[in-house]
Amino acid sequence: MHVFTGVVDSPETAQRRAHEAYDEALAAHTAGREITSGQPERWTARGLRPGWELEWPAATAGPWHNPLSWTHSRGDFAL
C-alpha cells in the first residue's frame, strides 16, 4: 500500500496529484537527485522503492482520516 495525502477537491484530482508526485520522485531518483519536499500546494513523495510498479488503474481515493488524531479535515483526500 502507498499513501499520498494533500488537500484537493475531488478523488480524481487526488489521483492525478498522487501520480504527478510519484512521477516527479521517480524522475529525481533516476537522475540521482534528492527527492524534494516541494511547495505547500504540491504533493510530494516521502520516499520511493525502486523497482516497485504502482497499479494506477487499481488506485482509489477517498477522505483521509488520520487514525492518530482526534479530529480530521473534511477537505483532504488520500490515494
N, C-alpha and C. Protein backbone atom coordinates (compact mmCIF):
# COMPACT_ATOMS: atom_id res chain seq x y z
N MET A 1 0.85 -1.17 0.00
CA MET A 1 0.00 0.00 0.00
C MET A 1 0.90 1.24 0.00
N HIS A 2 0.51 2.21 -0.76
CA HIS A 2 1.17 3.51 -0.80
C HIS A 2 0.12 4.55 -0.45
N VAL A 3 0.49 5.53 0.36
CA VAL A 3 -0.44 6.58 0.76
C VAL A 3 0.12 7.92 0.33
N PHE A 4 -0.69 8.69 -0.38
CA PHE A 4 -0.37 10.06 -0.76
C PHE A 4 -1.46 10.91 -0.16
N THR A 5 -1.12 12.04 0.44
CA THR A 5 -2.15 12.91 1.02
C THR A 5 -1.93 14.35 0.61
N GLY A 6 -3.00 15.10 0.60
CA GLY A 6 -2.96 16.52 0.28
C GLY A 6 -4.37 17.05 0.16
N VAL A 7 -4.48 18.34 0.14
CA VAL A 7 -5.79 18.98 0.04
C VAL A 7 -6.17 19.09 -1.43
N VAL A 8 -7.34 18.55 -1.77
CA VAL A 8 -7.89 18.62 -3.13
C VAL A 8 -9.40 18.69 -3.04
N ASP A 9 -10.03 18.86 -4.19
CA ASP A 9 -11.48 18.99 -4.20
C ASP A 9 -12.22 17.75 -4.69
N SER A 10 -11.48 16.72 -5.13
CA SER A 10 -12.15 15.52 -5.64
C SER A 10 -11.20 14.34 -5.66
N PRO A 11 -11.74 13.13 -5.67
CA PRO A 11 -10.89 11.94 -5.80
C PRO A 11 -10.10 11.93 -7.10
N GLU A 12 -10.67 12.45 -8.17
CA GLU A 12 -9.96 12.49 -9.45
C GLU A 12 -8.71 13.37 -9.36
N THR A 13 -8.85 14.52 -8.70
CA THR A 13 -7.70 15.41 -8.51
C THR A 13 -6.67 14.74 -7.61
N ALA A 14 -7.11 14.02 -6.60
CA ALA A 14 -6.20 13.30 -5.71
C ALA A 14 -5.38 12.29 -6.50
N GLN A 15 -6.02 11.54 -7.37
CA GLN A 15 -5.31 10.55 -8.17
C GLN A 15 -4.31 11.21 -9.10
N ARG A 16 -4.70 12.29 -9.72
CA ARG A 16 -3.79 12.99 -10.63
C ARG A 16 -2.58 13.53 -9.89
N ARG A 17 -2.81 14.17 -8.74
CA ARG A 17 -1.70 14.75 -7.98
C ARG A 17 -0.78 13.67 -7.40
N ALA A 18 -1.35 12.57 -6.97
CA ALA A 18 -0.52 11.47 -6.47
C ALA A 18 0.36 10.91 -7.58
N HIS A 19 -0.21 10.75 -8.76
CA HIS A 19 0.55 10.23 -9.90
C HIS A 19 1.67 11.21 -10.27
N GLU A 20 1.37 12.50 -10.26
CA GLU A 20 2.38 13.52 -10.55
C GLU A 20 3.51 13.48 -9.52
N ALA A 21 3.17 13.35 -8.24
CA ALA A 21 4.18 13.30 -7.18
C ALA A 21 5.07 12.08 -7.36
N TYR A 22 4.47 10.95 -7.68
CA TYR A 22 5.24 9.73 -7.90
C TYR A 22 6.17 9.89 -9.11
N ASP A 23 5.64 10.41 -10.21
CA ASP A 23 6.46 10.60 -11.41
C ASP A 23 7.63 11.53 -11.14
N GLU A 24 7.41 12.60 -10.39
CA GLU A 24 8.49 13.54 -10.06
C GLU A 24 9.53 12.88 -9.17
N ALA A 25 9.10 12.09 -8.20
CA ALA A 25 10.04 11.40 -7.31
C ALA A 25 10.87 10.39 -8.10
N LEU A 26 10.22 9.66 -8.98
CA LEU A 26 10.92 8.67 -9.80
C LEU A 26 11.94 9.34 -10.71
N ALA A 27 11.57 10.47 -11.31
CA ALA A 27 12.49 11.19 -12.19
C ALA A 27 13.70 11.70 -11.40
N ALA A 28 13.47 12.23 -10.20
CA ALA A 28 14.58 12.71 -9.37
C ALA A 28 15.50 11.55 -9.00
N HIS A 29 14.91 10.45 -8.58
CA HIS A 29 15.71 9.28 -8.20
C HIS A 29 16.53 8.76 -9.38
N THR A 30 15.91 8.66 -10.53
CA THR A 30 16.57 8.17 -11.73
C THR A 30 17.74 9.06 -12.12
N ALA A 31 17.58 10.37 -11.91
CA ALA A 31 18.63 11.33 -12.25
C ALA A 31 19.68 11.46 -11.14
N GLY A 32 19.50 10.73 -10.05
CA GLY A 32 20.46 10.79 -8.95
C GLY A 32 20.29 11.99 -8.05
N ARG A 33 19.13 12.65 -8.15
CA ARG A 33 18.85 13.81 -7.30
C ARG A 33 18.04 13.39 -6.08
N GLU A 34 18.08 14.24 -5.06
CA GLU A 34 17.28 14.03 -3.86
C GLU A 34 15.81 14.27 -4.19
N ILE A 35 14.95 13.49 -3.58
CA ILE A 35 13.51 13.71 -3.72
C ILE A 35 13.15 14.86 -2.79
N THR A 36 12.73 15.97 -3.36
CA THR A 36 12.48 17.18 -2.57
C THR A 36 11.06 17.18 -2.00
N SER A 37 10.88 18.01 -0.98
CA SER A 37 9.57 18.09 -0.33
C SER A 37 8.61 19.00 -1.05
N GLY A 38 9.09 19.79 -2.01
CA GLY A 38 8.19 20.62 -2.81
C GLY A 38 7.63 21.81 -2.07
N GLN A 39 6.59 22.39 -2.64
CA GLN A 39 5.92 23.54 -2.07
C GLN A 39 4.63 23.09 -1.39
N PRO A 40 4.08 23.92 -0.50
CA PRO A 40 2.88 23.52 0.23
C PRO A 40 1.69 23.14 -0.65
N GLU A 41 1.54 23.77 -1.81
CA GLU A 41 0.37 23.48 -2.65
C GLU A 41 0.56 22.24 -3.54
N ARG A 42 1.77 21.67 -3.52
CA ARG A 42 2.05 20.49 -4.35
C ARG A 42 2.21 19.25 -3.48
N TRP A 43 1.83 18.13 -4.02
CA TRP A 43 2.03 16.86 -3.35
C TRP A 43 3.43 16.38 -3.65
N THR A 44 4.03 15.66 -2.72
CA THR A 44 5.35 15.09 -2.92
C THR A 44 5.39 13.69 -2.34
N ALA A 45 6.39 12.94 -2.73
CA ALA A 45 6.59 11.60 -2.18
C ALA A 45 7.64 11.69 -1.08
N ARG A 46 7.45 10.97 0.00
CA ARG A 46 8.41 10.95 1.10
C ARG A 46 9.55 9.99 0.80
N GLY A 47 9.30 9.04 -0.05
CA GLY A 47 10.30 8.04 -0.37
C GLY A 47 9.89 7.30 -1.62
N LEU A 48 10.76 6.43 -2.05
CA LEU A 48 10.50 5.70 -3.29
C LEU A 48 11.15 4.34 -3.17
N ARG A 49 10.46 3.32 -3.60
CA ARG A 49 11.03 1.98 -3.61
C ARG A 49 11.32 1.61 -5.06
N PRO A 50 12.58 1.76 -5.46
CA PRO A 50 12.94 1.45 -6.85
C PRO A 50 12.53 0.02 -7.20
N GLY A 51 11.99 -0.13 -8.39
CA GLY A 51 11.55 -1.44 -8.86
C GLY A 51 10.09 -1.76 -8.56
N TRP A 52 9.49 -1.02 -7.68
CA TRP A 52 8.07 -1.25 -7.38
C TRP A 52 7.24 -0.54 -8.43
N GLU A 53 6.35 -1.24 -9.04
CA GLU A 53 5.45 -0.67 -10.03
C GLU A 53 4.09 -0.46 -9.37
N LEU A 54 3.61 0.76 -9.37
CA LEU A 54 2.29 1.04 -8.79
C LEU A 54 1.20 0.70 -9.79
N GLU A 55 0.12 0.17 -9.30
CA GLU A 55 -1.02 -0.20 -10.15
C GLU A 55 -2.02 0.95 -10.17
N TRP A 56 -1.72 1.97 -10.97
CA TRP A 56 -2.56 3.17 -11.00
C TRP A 56 -4.01 2.87 -11.38
N PRO A 57 -4.31 1.96 -12.31
CA PRO A 57 -5.72 1.69 -12.61
C PRO A 57 -6.50 1.15 -11.41
N ALA A 58 -5.82 0.54 -10.46
CA ALA A 58 -6.49 -0.01 -9.29
C ALA A 58 -6.54 0.98 -8.12
N ALA A 59 -5.95 2.16 -8.30
CA ALA A 59 -5.90 3.15 -7.22
C ALA A 59 -7.28 3.68 -6.89
N THR A 60 -7.50 3.94 -5.61
CA THR A 60 -8.75 4.54 -5.15
C THR A 60 -8.41 5.75 -4.30
N ALA A 61 -9.34 6.66 -4.18
CA ALA A 61 -9.14 7.86 -3.36
C ALA A 61 -10.39 8.12 -2.55
N GLY A 62 -10.21 8.65 -1.37
CA GLY A 62 -11.32 8.99 -0.51
C GLY A 62 -10.85 9.89 0.61
N PRO A 63 -11.75 10.35 1.44
CA PRO A 63 -11.38 11.25 2.54
C PRO A 63 -10.35 10.58 3.46
N TRP A 64 -9.39 11.36 3.86
CA TRP A 64 -8.35 10.86 4.76
C TRP A 64 -8.74 11.17 6.19
N HIS A 65 -8.70 10.16 7.02
CA HIS A 65 -8.95 10.32 8.45
C HIS A 65 -7.73 9.78 9.18
N ASN A 66 -6.97 10.67 9.78
CA ASN A 66 -5.77 10.28 10.49
C ASN A 66 -6.16 9.43 11.69
N PRO A 67 -5.75 8.17 11.73
CA PRO A 67 -6.13 7.31 12.86
C PRO A 67 -5.50 7.73 14.18
N LEU A 68 -4.51 8.60 14.15
CA LEU A 68 -3.83 9.05 15.37
C LEU A 68 -4.34 10.40 15.85
N SER A 69 -5.35 10.95 15.16
CA SER A 69 -5.85 12.27 15.50
C SER A 69 -7.26 12.19 16.05
N TRP A 70 -7.58 13.11 16.95
CA TRP A 70 -8.94 13.20 17.49
C TRP A 70 -9.87 13.92 16.52
N THR A 71 -9.28 14.69 15.62
CA THR A 71 -10.07 15.44 14.65
C THR A 71 -9.60 15.06 13.25
N HIS A 72 -10.37 15.44 12.26
CA HIS A 72 -9.95 15.21 10.87
C HIS A 72 -10.47 16.33 10.01
N SER A 73 -9.79 16.51 8.89
CA SER A 73 -10.16 17.57 7.94
C SER A 73 -11.14 17.02 6.93
N ARG A 74 -12.13 17.76 6.55
CA ARG A 74 -13.13 17.32 5.59
C ARG A 74 -12.68 17.49 4.15
N GLY A 75 -11.61 18.27 3.88
CA GLY A 75 -11.21 18.56 2.50
C GLY A 75 -10.03 17.74 2.00
N ASP A 76 -9.52 16.79 2.81
CA ASP A 76 -8.36 16.04 2.39
C ASP A 76 -8.78 14.71 1.78
N PHE A 77 -8.04 14.30 0.77
CA PHE A 77 -8.27 13.01 0.16
C PHE A 77 -6.96 12.24 0.21
N ALA A 78 -7.04 10.95 0.35
CA ALA A 78 -5.85 10.09 0.34
C ALA A 78 -5.99 9.12 -0.81
N LEU A 79 -4.88 8.81 -1.42
CA LEU A 79 -4.88 7.85 -2.51
C LEU A 79 -4.03 6.68 -2.11
